[in-house]
C-alpha atoms as a PDB file:
ATOM      1  CA  LYS A   1       9.939  68.643 -30.503  1.00  0.00           C
ATOM      2  CA  LEU A   2       6.642  66.874 -29.764  1.00  0.00           C
ATOM      3  CA  LYS A   3       5.380  67.691 -33.254  1.00  0.00           C
ATOM      4  CA  LYS A   4       8.546  66.188 -34.767  1.00  0.00           C
ATOM      5  CA  THR A   5       8.124  63.012 -32.677  1.00  0.00           C
ATOM      6  CA  HIS A   6       4.505  62.664 -33.793  1.00  0.00           C
ATOM      7  CA  SER A   7       5.576  63.168 -37.403  1.00  0.00           C
ATOM      8  CA  ASN A   8       8.294  60.516 -37.052  1.00  0.00           C
ATOM      9  CA  LEU A   9       5.811  58.040 -35.559  1.00  0.00           C
ATOM     10  CA  LYS A  10       3.438  58.608 -38.503  1.00  0.00           C
ATOM     11  CA  LYS A  11       6.321  57.978 -40.935  1.00  0.00           C
ATOM     12  CA  LEU A  12       7.322  54.829 -39.055  1.00  0.00           C
ATOM     13  CA  LYS A  13       3.739  53.542 -39.130  1.00  0.00           C
ATOM     14  CA  LYS A  14       3.633  54.066 -42.911  1.00  0.00           C
ATOM     15  CA  SER A  15       6.930  52.204 -43.427  1.00  0.00           C
ATOM     16  CA  CYS A  16       6.987  48.555 -44.511  1.00  0.00           C
ATOM     17  CA  ILE A  17       8.547  47.304 -41.281  1.00  0.00           C
ATOM     18  CA  PHE A  18       5.910  44.813 -40.101  1.00  0.00           C
ATOM     19  CA  PRO A  19       6.413  41.155 -41.045  1.00  0.00           C
ATOM     20  CA  VAL A  20       2.934  39.805 -41.675  1.00  0.00           C
ATOM     21  CA  ARG A  21       2.082  36.186 -42.378  1.00  0.00           C
ATOM     22  CA  ARG A  22      -0.572  36.107 -45.081  1.00  0.00           C
ATOM     23  CA  LYS A  23      -3.669  34.019 -44.373  1.00  0.00           C
ATOM     24  CA  ASP A  24      -3.442  32.316 -47.759  1.00  0.00           C
ATOM     25  CA  SER A  25       0.293  31.644 -47.672  1.00  0.00           C
ATOM     26  CA  ARG A  26       3.087  30.236 -45.540  1.00  0.00           C
ATOM     27  CA  PHE A  27       5.220  33.230 -46.424  1.00  0.00           C
ATOM     28  CA  THR A  28       5.750  36.517 -44.644  1.00  0.00           C
ATOM     29  CA  GLN A  29       5.474  39.881 -46.359  1.00  0.00           C
ATOM     30  CA  MET A  30       6.749  43.230 -45.051  1.00  0.00           C
ATOM     31  CA  VAL A  31       3.840  45.686 -44.885  1.00  0.00           C
ATOM     32  CA  ASP A  32       3.085  49.057 -43.314  1.00  0.00           C
ATOM     33  CA  GLY A  33       0.868  49.767 -40.327  1.00  0.00           C
ATOM     34  CA  THR A  34      -2.009  51.046 -42.434  1.00  0.00           C
ATOM     35  CA  LYS A  35      -2.652  47.712 -44.166  1.00  0.00           C
ATOM     36  CA  ASP A  36      -5.303  45.224 -43.030  1.00  0.00           C
ATOM     37  CA  TRP A  37      -3.576  42.832 -40.620  1.00  0.00           C
ATOM     38  CA  PHE A  38      -3.896  41.872 -36.957  1.00  0.00           C
ATOM     39  CA  ILE A  39      -1.790  41.039 -33.923  1.00  0.00           C
ATOM     40  CA  ALA A  40      -2.482  37.675 -32.268  1.00  0.00           C
ATOM     41  CA  ASP A  41      -1.716  38.747 -28.722  1.00  0.00           C
ATOM     42  CA  TRP A  42      -2.608  35.329 -27.287  1.00  0.00           C
ATOM     43  CA  ASN A  43      -1.429  31.944 -28.655  1.00  0.00           C
ATOM     44  CA  PHE A  44      -5.047  30.818 -28.722  1.00  0.00           C
ATOM     45  CA  TYR A  45      -5.938  33.667 -31.083  1.00  0.00           C
ATOM     46  CA  TYR A  46      -3.100  32.736 -33.424  1.00  0.00           C
ATOM     47  CA  ALA A  47      -4.315  29.149 -33.649  1.00  0.00           C
ATOM     48  CA  VAL A  48      -7.916  30.233 -34.268  1.00  0.00           C
ATOM     49  CA  PHE A  49      -7.281  33.054 -36.765  1.00  0.00           C
ATOM     50  CA  GLU A  50      -4.113  32.086 -38.679  1.00  0.00           C
ATOM     51  CA  LYS A  51      -6.076  30.869 -41.712  1.00  0.00           C
ATOM     52  CA  SER A  52      -8.676  33.664 -41.563  1.00  0.00           C
ATOM     53  CA  VAL A  53      -6.724  36.929 -41.316  1.00  0.00           C
ATOM     54  CA  ASP A  54      -3.214  38.231 -41.961  1.00  0.00           C
ATOM     55  CA  LEU A  55      -1.213  38.175 -38.705  1.00  0.00           C
ATOM     56  CA  LEU A  56       1.917  39.916 -37.462  1.00  0.00           C
ATOM     57  CA  ASP A  57       4.682  37.298 -37.532  1.00  0.00           C
ATOM     58  CA  PHE A  58       6.321  37.636 -34.110  1.00  0.00           C
ATOM     59  CA  SER A  59       6.422  35.322 -31.101  1.00  0.00           C
ATOM     60  CA  GLN A  60       4.096  35.942 -28.158  1.00  0.00           C
ATOM     61  CA  LYS A  61       7.035  37.162 -26.071  1.00  0.00           C
ATOM     62  CA  GLU A  62       8.087  39.626 -28.775  1.00  0.00           C
ATOM     63  CA  ILE A  63       4.503  40.865 -29.169  1.00  0.00           C
ATOM     64  CA  GLU A  64       4.218  41.431 -25.428  1.00  0.00           C
ATOM     65  CA  GLU A  65       7.499  43.364 -25.385  1.00  0.00           C
ATOM     66  CA  MET A  66       6.289  45.524 -28.297  1.00  0.00           C
ATOM     67  CA  GLY A  67       3.156  46.649 -26.435  1.00  0.00           C
ATOM     68  CA  PRO A  68       4.511  50.205 -25.896  1.00  0.00           C
ATOM     69  CA  LEU A  69       5.411  50.420 -29.605  1.00  0.00           C
ATOM     70  CA  PHE A  70       1.889  49.407 -30.648  1.00  0.00           C
ATOM     71  CA  LYS A  71       0.516  52.084 -28.349  1.00  0.00           C
ATOM     72  CA  ALA A  72       2.895  54.778 -29.653  1.00  0.00           C
ATOM     73  CA  LEU A  73       2.036  53.904 -33.260  1.00  0.00           C
ATOM     74  CA  GLU A  74      -1.679  53.729 -32.445  1.00  0.00           C
ATOM     75  CA  LEU A  75      -1.912  50.092 -33.528  1.00  0.00           C
ATOM     76  CA  GLU A  76      -3.745  48.780 -30.475  1.00  0.00           C
ATOM     77  CA  HIS A  77      -6.899  48.326 -32.565  1.00  0.00           C
ATOM     78  CA  LYS A  78      -5.010  45.573 -34.423  1.00  0.00           C
ATOM     79  CA  LEU A  79      -4.709  43.447 -31.260  1.00  0.00           C
ATOM     80  CA  LEU A  80      -7.151  40.579 -31.697  1.00  0.00           C
ATOM     81  CA  SER A  81      -8.128  40.890 -28.052  1.00  0.00           C
ATOM     82  CA  ASN A  82      -9.294  44.454 -28.847  1.00  0.00           C
ATOM     83  CA  ALA A  83     -10.594  43.827 -32.371  1.00  0.00           C
ATOM     84  CA  MET A  84     -12.970  40.987 -31.584  1.00  0.00           C
ATOM     85  CA  GLN A  85     -15.861  40.523 -29.253  1.00  0.00           C
ATOM     86  CA  GLN A  86     -16.566  37.387 -27.335  1.00  0.00           C
ATOM     87  CA  SER A  87     -19.331  36.407 -25.019  1.00  0.00           C
ATOM     88  CA  ILE A  88     -19.904  33.516 -22.690  1.00  0.00           C
ATOM     89  CA  HIS A  89     -23.327  32.027 -22.171  1.00  0.00           C
ATOM     90  CA  CYS A  90     -24.007  29.599 -19.351  1.00  0.00           C
ATOM     91  CA  GLU A  91     -26.661  26.963 -19.736  1.00  0.00           C
ATOM     92  CA  GLY A  92     -28.232  25.052 -16.915  1.00  0.00           C
ATOM     93  CA  GLU A  93     -28.035  25.722 -13.228  1.00  0.00           C
ATOM     94  CA  ILE A  94     -25.050  27.727 -12.006  1.00  0.00           C
ATOM     95  CA  VAL A  95     -23.687  26.463  -8.696  1.00  0.00           C
ATOM     96  CA  LEU A  96     -20.931  28.581  -7.194  1.00  0.00           C
ATOM     97  CA  ASN A  97     -18.130  26.882  -5.315  1.00  0.00           C
ATOM     98  CA  ASP A  98     -16.834  29.109  -2.502  1.00  0.00           C
ATOM     99  CA  GLN A  99     -13.710  27.005  -1.990  1.00  0.00           C
ATOM    100  CA  PHE A 100     -12.777  27.156  -5.682  1.00  0.00           C
ATOM    101  CA  THR A 101     -13.498  30.916  -5.842  1.00  0.00           C
ATOM    102  CA  HIS A 102     -11.230  31.510  -2.851  1.00  0.00           C
ATOM    103  CA  MET A 103      -8.468  29.416  -4.474  1.00  0.00           C
ATOM    104  CA  ILE A 104      -8.691  31.439  -7.741  1.00  0.00           C
ATOM    105  CA  ARG A 105      -8.510  34.750  -5.868  1.00  0.00           C
ATOM    106  CA  LYS A 106      -5.518  33.497  -3.874  1.00  0.00           C
ATOM    107  CA  LYS A 107      -3.672  32.627  -7.102  1.00  0.00           C
ATOM    108  CA  LEU A 108      -4.427  35.963  -8.767  1.00  0.00           C
ATOM    109  CA  PRO A 109      -0.801  37.237  -8.468  1.00  0.00           C
ATOM    110  CA  HIS A 110       0.419  34.109 -10.279  1.00  0.00           C
ATOM    111  CA  PHE A 111      -2.099  34.579 -13.100  1.00  0.00           C
ATOM    112  CA  MET A 112      -0.975  38.180 -13.449  1.00  0.00           C
ATOM    113  CA  ARG A 113       2.632  37.121 -14.076  1.00  0.00           C
ATOM    114  CA  LEU A 114       1.408  35.119 -17.085  1.00  0.00           C
ATOM    115  CA  THR A 115      -0.762  37.912 -18.455  1.00  0.00           C
ATOM    116  CA  PRO A 116       0.596  40.511 -20.905  1.00  0.00           C
ATOM    117  CA  GLU A 117       1.075  43.839 -19.147  1.00  0.00           C
ATOM    118  CA  TYR A 118      -1.426  45.694 -21.303  1.00  0.00           C
ATOM    119  CA  GLN A 119      -4.185  43.202 -20.357  1.00  0.00           C
ATOM    120  CA  GLN A 120      -3.483  42.821 -16.645  1.00  0.00           C
ATOM    121  CA  GLU A 121      -6.091  45.327 -15.503  1.00  0.00           C
ATOM    122  CA  GLU A 122      -8.917  43.621 -17.371  1.00  0.00           C
ATOM    123  CA  VAL A 123      -7.889  40.088 -16.373  1.00  0.00           C
ATOM    124  CA  SER A 124      -7.467  41.133 -12.750  1.00  0.00           C
ATOM    125  CA  LYS A 125     -10.926  42.706 -12.747  1.00  0.00           C
ATOM    126  CA  HIS A 126     -12.521  39.531 -14.098  1.00  0.00           C
ATOM    127  CA  LEU A 127     -10.688  37.183 -11.754  1.00  0.00           C
ATOM    128  CA  SER A 128     -11.321  39.381  -8.704  1.00  0.00           C
ATOM    129  CA  ASN A 129     -15.044  39.341  -9.399  1.00  0.00           C
ATOM    130  CA  THR A 130     -15.483  35.575  -9.423  1.00  0.00           C
ATOM    131  CA  GLU A 131     -18.529  35.443  -7.147  1.00  0.00           C
END
């Protein structure tokens, strides 16, 4: 039964069921999961990359709800948060503010409610380590 499920998932991934907005067009095209497209899992990523790469054409809420599907179809590499690297460089003197750090840690549960489930562990780790 497990082999049949895996086979069905491979067939589903190869089916043209993903509405993708082309970078060079306002129109959406149905493509399969093996084509070169990405999932803008944060609104910010959509705004930054919409003219650079082909993006899955679903709302942020729909994308968040489809997280288990992306995992089952092994499409997590298409999430822009996984596909790109970012780094932050601080210039000048860094002065920590204990009061602000305490406030951020106190509000951690509220931040977590706004964070997609599949990214909560990473966001929590970063916010917990604000020292």
